[in-house]
């Protein structure tokens, strides 16, 4: 898998500066580690189709290009403009069907990044699409019949989903994101922050309101064989589907979003048809993404409210949490008393997170509905000497030891999650030992250096 010894040059692409600068940070760090191994690597910032066209114009005669890595964007779905080849002018370095030098060839009306490199025996350049969320959010790229696309994802069930619904994809690899260790690790008993939570707040009520605006209760069906060509918006966006999916996941928090979608559709259509039309299913799940956003928002809200009910103060870094504090005030007015408090610390650039975690005792996490995967917050916590408290994942159960170097709670028992945090705060010596064990495990397996070693071998 990954990059072989005969490969020479890699380009890491990124698009803008999203999610607190995390994707830019990942691209830069991976680029640095690739170079340390002796591989020629360069970052290219691509924010539009025009940027992509200029990219291939600039690099089309470099025969050493073997791999292009994309971080969580849609750039691999870009196709050449209709008049791109008509404007071909070799003197001005504008790409044509076969450009001067002949190292890279394109078919007319091809995808911009379907680059055929003669120097490697006519193979297409490997396209590595690194995704940081469920594949449903990347359907617009994954569905494209690119010649040599491979996917790196964060969850084993996501990998299974990709293999099932996108058979043209050459390879799917599960590789959790790494993290850096801060330059200074504060001794555990001297850390200034007891409990830390990082992330963005989205109100579950706002998601329900958006779902209601997206479609009513009436459902009109189209043939599943043609749905992926002409998506049935009235079917996909119906509140009936949303309600069934949300209800199923609230009752079955260990199940995946695709299982919830299959359940919702099973009540109103032939499930056999779904199994025969992978593209239609993937398109439908993409358009029902609000159910995924809703369950994630509800679980995040409930986890933090349970901390407050049990007198646990939480420092939160991220966008939008003022609205959560307002919601907590409304909950208290209805009779539910909170003994703890939320300290809103504002937004922070991703580059600063290691130093924040390095001065924190307990890092509280809830996975983005990963059932067999790992999020980067876990790596950040463990690589910086925190006790990591997170919800269960079969992947985490294989990689770590619950109660020894990580602590896992069940989404079906939020009170148990709060009791777990309270117990760790009440027993700092035992917590420090667990944090130390987690650190030793993480720095050897979740560093950027280790990530690249696995990737290239």
Protein backbone atom coordinates (compact mmCIF):
# COMPACT_ATOMS: atom_id res chain seq x y z
CA UNK A 1 0.00 0.00 0.00
CA UNK A 2 0.99 3.63 -0.07
CA UNK A 3 4.11 4.96 -1.71
CA UNK A 4 6.80 2.64 -3.02
CA UNK A 5 10.54 3.09 -3.14
CA UNK A 6 10.52 3.85 -6.87
CA UNK A 7 8.32 6.89 -6.43
CA UNK A 8 10.09 10.23 -6.54
CA UNK A 9 7.90 13.27 -6.12
CA UNK A 10 4.71 14.00 -4.17
CA UNK A 11 2.46 17.02 -4.15
CA UNK A 12 0.34 17.74 -1.07
CA UNK A 13 -2.66 19.87 -1.94
CA UNK A 14 -4.75 21.92 0.45
CA UNK A 15 -7.74 24.19 -0.01
CA UNK A 16 -7.93 27.32 2.07
CA UNK A 17 -7.61 27.43 5.84
CA UNK A 18 -10.65 25.63 7.29
CA UNK A 19 -11.51 24.04 10.64
CA UNK A 20 -9.21 26.23 12.75
CA UNK A 21 -6.41 25.72 10.23
CA UNK A 22 -6.23 21.98 10.87
CA UNK A 23 -6.04 20.82 7.24
CA UNK A 24 -3.23 23.27 6.49
CA UNK A 25 -1.44 22.08 9.60
CA UNK A 26 -1.73 18.41 8.59
CA UNK A 27 -0.51 19.16 5.07
CA UNK A 28 2.50 21.11 6.32
CA UNK A 29 3.52 18.53 8.91
CA UNK A 30 3.16 15.58 6.56
CA UNK A 31 5.12 17.48 3.93
CA UNK A 32 7.92 18.03 6.46
CA UNK A 33 8.04 14.36 7.45
CA UNK A 34 8.03 13.20 3.81
CA UNK A 35 11.05 15.37 3.12
CA UNK A 36 12.88 13.91 6.12
CA UNK A 37 12.67 10.48 4.49
CA UNK A 38 14.35 11.81 1.33
CA UNK A 39 11.15 12.02 -0.71
CA UNK A 40 10.72 15.16 -2.80
CA UNK A 41 7.50 16.81 -1.63
CA UNK A 42 5.82 20.17 -2.09
CA UNK A 43 2.60 21.85 -0.90
CA UNK A 44 0.29 23.40 -3.47
CA UNK A 45 -2.61 25.60 -2.33
CA UNK A 46 -5.62 24.99 -4.60
CA UNK A 47 -8.81 26.94 -3.94
CA UNK A 48 -10.60 26.68 -7.29
CA UNK A 49 -10.75 24.79 -10.56
CA UNK A 50 -8.69 27.55 -12.13
CA UNK A 51 -5.98 26.97 -9.52
CA UNK A 52 -6.03 23.26 -10.41
CA UNK A 53 -5.67 24.00 -14.12
CA UNK A 54 -2.73 26.29 -13.40
CA UNK A 55 -1.22 23.52 -11.28
CA UNK A 56 -1.16 21.02 -14.14
CA UNK A 57 0.08 23.71 -16.52
CA UNK A 58 3.03 24.37 -14.22
CA UNK A 59 3.93 20.76 -13.42
CA UNK A 60 2.89 18.80 -16.49
CA UNK A 61 6.44 18.26 -17.78
CA UNK A 62 7.92 17.08 -14.46
CA UNK A 63 8.29 13.34 -14.95
CA UNK A 64 8.96 12.58 -11.28
CA UNK A 65 5.38 13.29 -10.14
CA UNK A 66 4.03 10.01 -8.78
CA UNK A 67 1.56 10.93 -6.04
CA UNK A 68 -0.81 13.80 -5.21
CA UNK A 69 -2.24 13.94 -1.69
CA UNK A 70 -5.44 15.86 -0.94
CA UNK A 71 -6.71 16.71 2.54
CA UNK A 72 -10.47 16.58 2.92
CA UNK A 73 -11.45 18.72 -0.10
CA UNK A 74 -13.31 18.23 -3.39
CA UNK A 75 -10.49 19.15 -5.79
CA UNK A 76 -10.16 15.66 -7.30
CA UNK A 77 -13.65 16.06 -8.74
CA UNK A 78 -12.56 19.04 -10.88
CA UNK A 79 -12.79 18.63 -14.66
CA UNK A 80 -11.17 20.80 -17.31
CA UNK A 81 -13.20 23.74 -18.55
CA UNK A 82 -15.01 23.09 -21.82
CA UNK A 83 -12.74 25.45 -23.75
CA UNK A 84 -9.52 24.46 -21.96
CA UNK A 85 -8.02 22.47 -24.83
CA UNK A 86 -9.28 24.90 -27.43
CA UNK A 87 -7.07 27.55 -25.84
CA UNK A 88 -3.96 25.37 -26.03
CA UNK A 89 -0.79 27.31 -26.71
CA UNK A 90 2.44 25.46 -26.03
CA UNK A 91 4.49 28.66 -26.05
CA UNK A 92 2.46 29.95 -23.11
CA UNK A 93 2.64 26.65 -21.19
CA UNK A 94 -1.09 26.01 -21.51
CA UNK A 95 -1.89 22.30 -21.35
CA UNK A 96 -3.16 20.50 -24.41
CA UNK A 97 -3.91 16.92 -25.35
CA UNK A 98 -0.18 16.24 -25.29
CA UNK A 99 2.10 19.05 -24.22
CA UNK A 100 5.63 19.82 -25.23
CA UNK A 101 7.95 17.45 -23.42
CA UNK A 102 5.32 14.72 -23.47
CA UNK A 103 5.68 13.63 -19.85
CA UNK A 104 1.99 13.95 -19.00
CA UNK A 105 -0.99 13.24 -21.22
CA UNK A 106 -4.68 14.00 -20.79
CA UNK A 107 -7.77 12.75 -22.53
CA UNK A 108 -10.08 15.43 -23.81
CA UNK A 109 -12.76 16.17 -21.16
CA UNK A 110 -10.74 14.34 -18.52
CA UNK A 111 -10.56 15.05 -14.82
CA UNK A 112 -7.83 17.59 -14.12
CA UNK A 113 -5.96 15.25 -11.78
CA UNK A 114 -6.18 12.14 -13.98
CA UNK A 115 -2.56 12.59 -15.04
CA UNK A 116 -0.84 9.90 -17.06
CA UNK A 117 2.89 9.82 -16.49
CA UNK A 118 4.98 8.20 -19.25
CA UNK A 119 8.03 8.03 -16.99
CA UNK A 120 6.33 5.40 -14.81
CA UNK A 121 5.38 3.12 -17.68
CA UNK A 122 2.19 4.92 -18.54
CA UNK A 123 0.60 4.65 -15.09
CA UNK A 124 -1.69 7.33 -13.81
CA UNK A 125 -0.44 9.42 -10.91
CA UNK A 126 -1.72 8.05 -7.58
CA UNK A 127 -4.34 10.33 -6.04
CA UNK A 128 -4.55 10.01 -2.26
CA UNK A 129 -7.79 11.42 -0.85
CA UNK A 130 -7.42 11.76 2.93
CA UNK A 131 -10.86 12.18 4.51
CA UNK A 132 -11.47 13.24 8.09
CA UNK A 133 -15.17 12.40 8.37
CA UNK A 134 -17.78 9.92 7.19
CA UNK A 135 -17.58 9.19 3.43
CA UNK A 136 -21.10 10.60 2.97
CA UNK A 137 -19.54 14.08 3.21
CA UNK A 138 -17.16 13.18 0.36
CA UNK A 139 -19.60 11.53 -2.03
CA UNK A 140 -19.06 14.24 -4.65
CA UNK A 141 -15.43 13.12 -4.96
CA UNK A 142 -15.68 9.41 -4.19
CA UNK A 143 -18.30 8.81 -6.88
CA UNK A 144 -16.04 10.18 -9.65
CA UNK A 145 -14.48 7.42 -11.82
CA UNK A 146 -10.92 8.63 -11.39
CA UNK A 147 -8.27 6.34 -12.84
CA UNK A 148 -6.03 5.83 -9.80
CA UNK A 149 -7.69 7.19 -6.67
CA UNK A 150 -6.99 5.79 -3.21
CA UNK A 151 -8.59 6.79 0.10
CA UNK A 152 -7.18 7.14 3.60
CA UNK A 153 -9.90 7.29 6.26
CA UNK A 154 -10.17 7.27 10.05
CA UNK A 155 -12.65 4.48 10.71
CA UNK A 156 -12.88 0.80 9.74
CA UNK A 157 -16.62 0.99 9.06
CA UNK A 158 -15.95 3.97 6.78
CA UNK A 159 -13.46 1.83 4.86
CA UNK A 160 -16.05 -0.94 4.48
CA UNK A 161 -18.60 1.61 3.26
CA UNK A 162 -16.20 2.96 0.63
CA UNK A 163 -15.31 -0.51 -0.66
CA UNK A 164 -18.99 -1.40 -0.93
CA UNK A 165 -20.28 1.75 -2.60
CA UNK A 166 -17.29 2.88 -4.72
CA UNK A 167 -15.85 -0.20 -6.38
CA UNK A 168 -13.60 1.83 -8.72
CA UNK A 169 -11.43 3.07 -5.85
CA UNK A 170 -8.12 1.23 -5.99
CA UNK A 171 -7.29 1.07 -2.30
CA UNK A 172 -8.75 2.09 1.07
CA UNK A 173 -6.54 2.42 4.15
CA UNK A 174 -7.48 3.17 7.77
CA UNK A 175 -4.90 5.46 9.37
CA UNK A 176 -5.78 7.62 12.40
CA UNK A 177 -4.45 11.15 12.33
CA UNK A 178 -1.24 11.80 14.31
CA UNK A 179 -0.47 14.67 16.67
CA UNK A 180 2.49 16.71 17.82
CA UNK A 181 3.78 16.90 21.37
CA UNK A 182 4.18 20.38 22.82
CA UNK A 183 7.69 21.65 23.42
CA UNK A 184 6.94 21.85 27.14
CA UNK A 185 4.84 19.25 28.98
CA UNK A 186 3.63 20.62 32.30
CA UNK A 187 3.90 18.01 35.10
CA UNK A 188 0.47 16.45 35.63
CA UNK A 189 -0.10 17.75 39.17
CA UNK A 190 0.89 21.29 38.14
CA UNK A 191 -1.45 21.58 35.16
CA UNK A 192 -3.77 24.59 35.29
CA UNK A 193 -6.74 23.08 33.50
CA UNK A 194 -8.75 20.17 34.95
CA UNK A 195 -11.06 19.28 32.05
CA UNK A 196 -10.74 20.42 28.43
CA UNK A 197 -13.10 20.05 25.49
CA UNK A 198 -12.27 21.35 22.00
CA UNK A 199 -14.60 21.60 19.02
CA UNK A 200 -17.42 23.55 17.40
CA UNK A 201 -20.94 23.88 18.78
CA UNK A 202 -23.97 23.41 16.57
CA UNK A 203 -27.40 23.49 18.20
CA UNK A 204 -29.48 20.34 17.72
CA UNK A 205 -32.60 22.53 17.51
CA UNK A 206 -31.07 24.51 14.64
CA UNK A 207 -30.40 21.27 12.76
CA UNK A 208 -34.01 20.13 13.22
CA UNK A 209 -35.22 23.51 11.95
CA UNK A 210 -32.98 23.17 8.90
CA UNK A 211 -34.30 19.65 8.25
CA UNK A 212 -37.87 20.92 8.44
CA UNK A 213 -37.09 23.63 5.89
CA UNK A 214 -35.46 21.06 3.61
CA UNK A 215 -38.49 18.83 3.16
CA UNK A 216 -41.96 18.05 4.40
CA UNK A 217 -43.62 14.81 5.31
CA UNK A 218 -44.84 13.89 1.81
CA UNK A 219 -42.54 11.40 0.11
CA UNK A 220 -42.29 10.78 -3.61
CA UNK A 221 -40.20 7.88 -4.86
CA UNK A 222 -38.09 7.45 -7.93
CA UNK A 223 -36.60 4.25 -9.23
CA UNK A 224 -33.44 3.42 -7.31
CA UNK A 225 -31.74 2.47 -10.57
CA UNK A 226 -31.90 6.08 -11.77
CA UNK A 227 -31.84 7.93 -8.48
CA UNK A 228 -28.06 8.41 -8.53
CA UNK A 229 -28.41 10.12 -11.89
CA UNK A 230 -31.43 12.22 -10.94
CA UNK A 231 -31.52 12.44 -7.11
CA UNK A 232 -35.09 12.68 -5.80
CA UNK A 233 -34.84 15.69 -3.52
CA UNK A 234 -38.38 15.25 -2.21
CA UNK A 235 -37.47 11.71 -1.18
CA UNK A 236 -34.02 12.41 0.16
CA UNK A 237 -34.88 15.45 2.25
CA UNK A 238 -38.13 14.28 3.78
CA UNK A 239 -38.69 14.74 7.50
CA UNK A 240 -40.01 11.20 7.54
CA UNK A 241 -36.56 9.85 6.72
CA UNK A 242 -34.86 12.30 9.09
CA UNK A 243 -37.12 11.34 11.98
CA UNK A 244 -36.68 7.62 11.42
CA UNK A 245 -32.90 7.91 11.22
CA UNK A 246 -32.61 10.16 14.28
CA UNK A 247 -34.95 7.98 16.31
CA UNK A 248 -33.09 4.83 15.35
CA UNK A 249 -29.70 6.27 16.37
CA UNK A 250 -31.02 7.62 19.67
CA UNK A 251 -32.28 4.12 20.46
CA UNK A 252 -29.19 2.41 19.02
CA UNK A 253 -26.17 4.67 19.66
CA UNK A 254 -23.70 1.91 18.75
CA UNK A 255 -24.98 1.69 15.17
CA UNK A 256 -23.66 3.54 12.11
CA UNK A 257 -25.39 6.28 10.15
CA UNK A 258 -25.68 3.99 7.10
CA UNK A 259 -27.45 1.38 9.23
CA UNK A 260 -29.92 4.05 10.31
CA UNK A 261 -30.53 5.04 6.69
CA UNK A 262 -31.13 1.42 5.69
CA UNK A 263 -33.58 1.11 8.59
CA UNK A 264 -35.43 4.28 7.57
CA UNK A 265 -35.75 3.16 3.96
CA UNK A 266 -36.69 -0.39 4.94
CA UNK A 267 -40.08 0.77 6.17
CA UNK A 268 -41.05 2.31 2.85
CA UNK A 269 -39.28 0.51 0.03
CA UNK A 270 -37.71 -2.78 -0.98
CA UNK A 271 -34.36 -3.22 0.78
CA UNK A 272 -33.19 -5.57 -1.95
CA UNK A 273 -33.25 -2.67 -4.41
CA UNK A 274 -30.93 -0.72 -2.12
CA UNK A 275 -28.33 -3.46 -2.11
CA UNK A 276 -28.32 -3.54 -5.90
CA UNK A 277 -27.81 0.19 -6.33
CA UNK A 278 -24.78 1.29 -4.34
CA UNK A 279 -24.54 4.67 -6.08
CA UNK A 280 -28.18 5.48 -5.32
CA UNK A 281 -27.73 4.58 -1.67
CA UNK A 282 -24.60 6.73 -1.34
CA UNK A 283 -26.32 9.70 -2.99
CA UNK A 284 -29.31 9.32 -0.70
CA UNK A 285 -27.21 9.12 2.45
CA UNK A 286 -25.28 12.20 1.41
CA UNK A 287 -28.46 14.20 1.05
CA UNK A 288 -29.63 12.99 4.46
CA UNK A 289 -26.49 14.28 6.19
CA UNK A 290 -28.58 16.32 8.64
CA UNK A 291 -29.47 13.16 10.56
CA UNK A 292 -25.76 12.59 11.16
CA UNK A 293 -25.23 16.20 12.23
CA UNK A 294 -28.23 15.99 14.55
CA UNK A 295 -27.19 12.88 16.47
CA UNK A 296 -23.67 14.21 16.89
CA UNK A 297 -24.99 17.53 18.23
CA UNK A 298 -27.41 15.85 20.65
CA UNK A 299 -24.73 13.56 22.06
CA UNK A 300 -22.27 16.42 22.49
CA UNK A 301 -24.89 18.53 24.28
CA UNK A 302 -25.93 15.70 26.59
CA UNK A 303 -22.34 14.78 27.48
CA UNK A 304 -21.48 18.32 28.55
CA UNK A 305 -24.76 18.86 30.40
CA UNK A 306 -24.13 15.67 32.34
CA UNK A 307 -20.73 17.05 33.36
CA UNK A 308 -22.45 20.21 34.62
CA UNK A 309 -25.10 18.26 36.53
CA UNK A 310 -22.32 16.47 38.38
CA UNK A 311 -20.40 19.58 39.36
CA UNK A 312 -17.63 19.28 36.76
CA UNK A 313 -16.27 22.51 35.28
CA UNK A 314 -15.23 22.28 31.62
CA UNK A 315 -12.98 24.66 29.67
CA UNK A 316 -14.14 24.80 26.04
CA UNK A 317 -12.19 26.08 23.05
CA UNK A 318 -14.13 26.45 19.80
CA UNK A 319 -16.79 28.35 17.91
CA UNK A 320 -20.42 28.90 18.87
CA UNK A 321 -20.50 27.83 22.53
CA UNK A 322 -22.22 31.00 23.73
CA UNK A 323 -25.42 29.53 22.34
CA UNK A 324 -24.88 26.35 24.38
CA UNK A 325 -24.50 28.38 27.58
CA UNK A 326 -27.78 30.11 26.73
CA UNK A 327 -29.41 26.73 26.23
CA UNK A 328 -28.10 25.51 29.59
CA UNK A 329 -29.68 28.57 31.22
CA UNK A 330 -33.03 27.67 29.69
CA UNK A 331 -32.67 24.08 30.90
CA UNK A 332 -32.00 25.31 34.44
CA UNK A 333 -35.12 27.47 34.34
CA UNK A 334 -37.13 24.31 33.68
CA UNK A 335 -35.87 22.79 36.93
CA UNK A 336 -32.65 20.99 36.01
CA UNK A 337 -29.87 22.32 38.24
CA UNK A 338 -26.24 22.48 37.10
CA UNK A 339 -23.51 22.43 39.74
CA UNK A 340 -20.61 22.86 37.31
CA UNK A 341 -19.91 25.62 34.83
CA UNK A 342 -18.72 26.05 31.26
CA UNK A 343 -15.73 28.31 30.71
CA UNK A 344 -15.82 29.56 27.12
CA UNK A 345 -12.24 30.21 26.02
CA UNK A 346 -12.92 31.21 22.40
CA UNK A 347 -11.57 29.92 19.12
CA UNK A 348 -7.96 28.86 18.80
CA UNK A 349 -5.72 28.01 15.86
CA UNK A 350 -5.01 24.30 15.53
CA UNK A 351 -1.29 24.92 15.91
CA UNK A 352 -1.86 26.01 19.51
CA UNK A 353 -3.71 22.86 20.57
CA UNK A 354 -0.65 20.82 21.66
CA UNK A 355 0.31 23.48 24.23
CA UNK A 356 -3.29 23.65 25.50
CA UNK A 357 -3.47 19.91 25.94
CA UNK A 358 -0.01 19.90 27.54
CA UNK A 359 -1.41 22.02 30.39
CA UNK A 360 -4.60 19.94 30.85
CA UNK A 361 -5.25 17.00 33.13
CA UNK A 362 -8.30 15.41 31.48
CA UNK A 363 -9.25 15.74 27.81
CA UNK A 364 -12.95 15.01 27.30
CA UNK A 365 -13.88 13.71 23.87
CA UNK A 366 -16.88 12.46 21.96
CA UNK A 367 -16.15 10.86 18.60
CA UNK A 368 -17.90 12.24 15.46
CA UNK A 369 -20.05 9.08 15.36
CA UNK A 370 -17.02 6.87 14.65
CA UNK A 371 -17.85 3.31 15.73
CA UNK A 372 -14.56 1.71 14.67
CA UNK A 373 -12.17 4.62 14.40
CA UNK A 374 -10.19 7.35 16.11
CA UNK A 375 -10.29 11.15 15.99
CA UNK A 376 -7.29 13.47 16.20
CA UNK A 377 -8.39 14.80 19.61
CA UNK A 378 -7.42 11.43 21.07
CA UNK A 379 -3.92 11.68 19.63
CA UNK A 380 -3.61 15.29 20.84
CA UNK A 381 -4.60 14.29 24.37
CA UNK A 382 -2.38 11.24 24.70
CA UNK A 383 0.68 12.73 22.98
CA UNK A 384 0.54 15.62 25.45
CA UNK A 385 0.16 13.71 28.70
CA UNK A 386 -3.58 14.12 29.29
CA UNK A 387 -5.93 11.45 30.52
CA UNK A 388 -8.12 10.81 27.48
CA UNK A 389 -11.80 10.17 28.25
CA UNK A 390 -13.76 9.23 25.14
CA UNK A 391 -16.72 7.17 23.96
CA UNK A 392 -16.23 3.56 22.92
CA UNK A 393 -14.86 2.42 19.57
CA UNK A 394 -13.90 -1.09 18.50
CA UNK A 395 -10.74 0.38 16.97
CA UNK A 396 -9.73 2.01 20.26
CA UNK A 397 -10.42 -1.22 22.11
CA UNK A 398 -7.87 -2.96 19.89
CA UNK A 399 -5.20 -0.26 20.15
CA UNK A 400 -5.40 0.74 23.82
CA UNK A 401 -6.32 -0.72 27.22
CA UNK A 402 -9.46 0.78 28.72
CA UNK A 403 -8.89 1.87 32.31
CA UNK A 404 -5.11 1.75 31.93
CA UNK A 405 -3.95 4.18 29.22
CA UNK A 406 -7.33 5.47 28.05
CA UNK A 407 -10.82 5.66 29.59
CA UNK A 408 -13.91 4.86 27.55
CA UNK A 409 -17.57 5.46 28.36
CA UNK A 410 -20.77 4.25 26.72
CA UNK A 411 -23.03 6.64 24.85
CA UNK A 412 -25.88 4.83 26.57
CA UNK A 413 -24.58 5.94 29.99
CA UNK A 414 -23.68 9.62 30.10
CA UNK A 415 -23.98 9.63 33.86
CA UNK A 416 -21.29 6.96 33.89
CA UNK A 417 -19.08 9.27 31.80
CA UNK A 418 -19.46 12.03 34.39
CA UNK A 419 -18.74 9.61 37.25
CA UNK A 420 -15.61 8.49 35.42
CA UNK A 421 -14.34 12.08 35.16
CA UNK A 422 -15.19 12.80 38.80
CA UNK A 423 -13.29 9.71 39.91
CA UNK A 424 -10.22 10.72 37.90
CA UNK A 425 -10.30 14.22 39.43
CA UNK A 426 -10.65 12.72 42.91
CA UNK A 427 -7.66 10.40 42.41
CA UNK A 428 -4.94 12.54 40.78
CA UNK A 429 -2.12 10.07 41.43
CA UNK A 430 -3.88 7.23 39.61
CA UNK A 431 -4.90 9.65 36.85
CA UNK A 432 -1.30 10.81 36.42
CA UNK A 433 -0.12 7.22 36.07
CA UNK A 434 -2.75 6.54 33.40
CA UNK A 435 -1.79 9.74 31.55
CA UNK A 436 1.87 8.67 31.60
CA UNK A 437 1.03 5.24 30.20
CA UNK A 438 -1.08 6.83 27.49
CA UNK A 439 1.74 9.21 26.60
CA UNK A 440 4.29 6.40 26.24
CA UNK A 441 1.90 4.49 23.99
CA UNK A 442 0.96 7.51 21.88
CA UNK A 443 4.37 9.03 21.19
CA UNK A 444 5.52 5.73 19.70
CA UNK A 445 2.42 5.13 17.56
CA UNK A 446 0.65 8.45 16.91
CA UNK A 447 3.47 10.79 15.90
CA UNK A 448 3.73 12.32 12.42
CA UNK A 449 6.99 10.43 11.93
CA UNK A 450 5.23 7.11 12.59
CA UNK A 451 2.32 8.14 10.33
CA UNK A 452 4.68 8.65 7.39
CA UNK A 453 6.59 5.44 8.11
CA UNK A 454 3.34 3.48 7.85
CA UNK A 455 2.19 5.42 4.79
CA UNK A 456 5.30 4.90 2.67
CA UNK A 457 5.81 1.25 3.60
